[in-house]
Amino acid sequence: MTNEAILQELFTVLEARKASSPDESYVSSLYAKGTAKIAEKVGEEAVETIIEAVKGDKRALAEESADLLFHLMVLWADQGIAPDAILKILQRRMGTSGHAEKASRSS
């Protein structure tokens, strides 16, 4: 399975969890708590990812990175943004200087 297919399959599951009971699904319980709670979880996972990077624990960094990506995808699903939209933006930015790309968003 390709990386893109993995992201799409996970996104499909996350979308389906919108119809699940919050008592039966962790993801559904996040949706029930609202966007602010989902965003808070993304922030928590980002901090945990940073901590493991600074500690130099690559295994833990990989685990926390997976948690961060998972919760970020929950946020995408909450907001109706499919992984394909994100991948298209990344693809468009390929070959563009990071400085130039950032400057283009500032104007």
Protein backbone atom coordinates (compact mmCIF):
# COMPACT_ATOMS: atom_id res chain seq x y z
CA MET A 1 0.00 0.00 0.00
CA THR A 2 1.36 3.43 -0.90
CA ASN A 3 1.77 6.18 1.66
CA GLU A 4 -0.93 8.19 -0.09
CA ALA A 5 -3.27 5.17 0.05
CA ILE A 6 -2.60 4.77 3.78
CA LEU A 7 -3.50 8.42 4.37
CA GLN A 8 -6.66 8.10 2.29
CA GLU A 9 -7.74 4.88 4.02
CA LEU A 10 -7.21 6.43 7.44
CA PHE A 11 -9.13 9.54 6.36
CA THR A 12 -12.02 7.36 5.19
CA VAL A 13 -12.14 5.70 8.62
CA LEU A 14 -11.98 9.09 10.36
CA GLU A 15 -14.86 10.37 8.24
CA ALA A 16 -16.90 7.25 9.04
CA ARG A 17 -16.35 7.81 12.77
CA LYS A 18 -18.47 10.96 12.52
CA ALA A 19 -21.50 8.65 12.52
CA SER A 20 -20.26 6.56 15.45
CA SER A 21 -21.26 6.89 19.06
CA PRO A 22 -18.85 8.96 21.18
CA ASP A 23 -19.13 6.18 23.78
CA GLU A 24 -17.79 3.63 21.30
CA SER A 25 -15.22 5.63 19.32
CA TYR A 26 -12.34 7.78 20.53
CA VAL A 27 -12.44 9.79 17.29
CA SER A 28 -16.19 10.28 17.56
CA SER A 29 -15.72 11.51 21.13
CA LEU A 30 -13.27 14.12 19.82
CA TYR A 31 -15.77 15.26 17.19
CA ALA A 32 -18.42 15.53 19.91
CA LYS A 33 -16.14 17.81 21.94
CA GLY A 34 -15.69 20.16 18.99
CA THR A 35 -12.98 21.72 16.89
CA ALA A 36 -11.30 23.51 19.80
CA LYS A 37 -10.72 20.20 21.63
CA ILE A 38 -9.43 18.53 18.47
CA ALA A 39 -7.05 21.44 17.88
CA GLU A 40 -5.92 21.20 21.51
CA LYS A 41 -5.08 17.51 20.97
CA VAL A 42 -3.04 18.44 17.89
CA GLY A 43 -1.13 20.95 20.02
CA GLU A 44 -0.53 18.41 22.79
CA GLU A 45 0.79 15.86 20.29
CA ALA A 46 3.00 18.51 18.67
CA VAL A 47 4.57 19.31 22.04
CA GLU A 48 5.13 15.62 22.78
CA THR A 49 6.74 15.22 19.34
CA ILE A 50 9.06 18.15 20.01
CA ILE A 51 10.05 16.75 23.41
CA GLU A 52 11.05 13.40 21.91
CA ALA A 53 13.01 15.13 19.15
CA VAL A 54 14.95 17.19 21.67
CA LYS A 55 15.58 14.08 23.80
CA GLY A 56 16.92 12.31 20.70
CA ASP A 57 14.72 9.24 21.14
CA LYS A 58 14.03 8.30 17.51
CA ARG A 59 11.63 5.47 18.32
CA ALA A 60 9.57 7.69 20.61
CA LEU A 61 9.78 10.51 18.06
CA ALA A 62 8.35 8.22 15.39
CA GLU A 63 5.52 7.13 17.74
CA GLU A 64 4.67 10.71 18.72
CA SER A 65 4.87 11.79 15.08
CA ALA A 66 2.29 9.13 14.21
CA ASP A 67 0.05 10.43 17.01
CA LEU A 68 0.49 13.99 15.74
CA LEU A 69 -0.36 13.05 12.17
CA PHE A 70 -3.36 11.04 13.34
CA HIS A 71 -4.79 13.94 15.34
CA LEU A 72 -4.00 16.40 12.56
CA MET A 73 -5.99 14.19 10.21
CA VAL A 74 -8.89 14.16 12.68
CA LEU A 75 -8.77 17.96 12.50
CA TRP A 76 -8.71 17.84 8.69
CA ALA A 77 -11.74 15.54 8.69
CA ASP A 78 -13.50 17.79 11.19
CA GLN A 79 -12.94 20.72 8.84
CA GLY A 80 -13.72 18.81 5.62
CA ILE A 81 -10.18 18.90 4.24
CA ALA A 82 -9.12 15.69 2.53
CA PRO A 83 -5.48 14.57 2.53
CA ASP A 84 -5.44 15.03 -1.25
CA ALA A 85 -5.86 18.80 -0.78
CA ILE A 86 -2.81 18.89 1.49
CA LEU A 87 -0.77 16.67 -0.82
CA LYS A 88 -1.59 18.93 -3.81
CA ILE A 89 -0.31 21.95 -1.88
CA LEU A 90 2.90 20.11 -0.99
CA GLN A 91 3.31 18.98 -4.59
CA ARG A 92 2.81 22.55 -5.85
CA ARG A 93 5.50 23.76 -3.44
CA MET A 94 8.06 21.16 -4.56
CA GLY A 95 11.05 22.80 -6.18
CA THR A 96 10.22 26.20 -4.70
CA SER A 97 12.56 27.80 -2.23
CA GLY A 98 11.08 27.76 1.26
CA HIS A 99 11.93 31.45 1.58
CA ALA A 100 10.21 32.28 -1.72
CA GLU A 101 7.14 30.18 -0.86
CA LYS A 102 6.77 31.82 2.53
CA ALA A 103 7.18 35.29 1.03
CA SER A 104 4.44 34.50 -1.51
CA ARG A 105 2.00 33.78 1.35
CA SER A 106 2.88 37.02 3.14
CA SER A 107 1.65 39.27 0.36
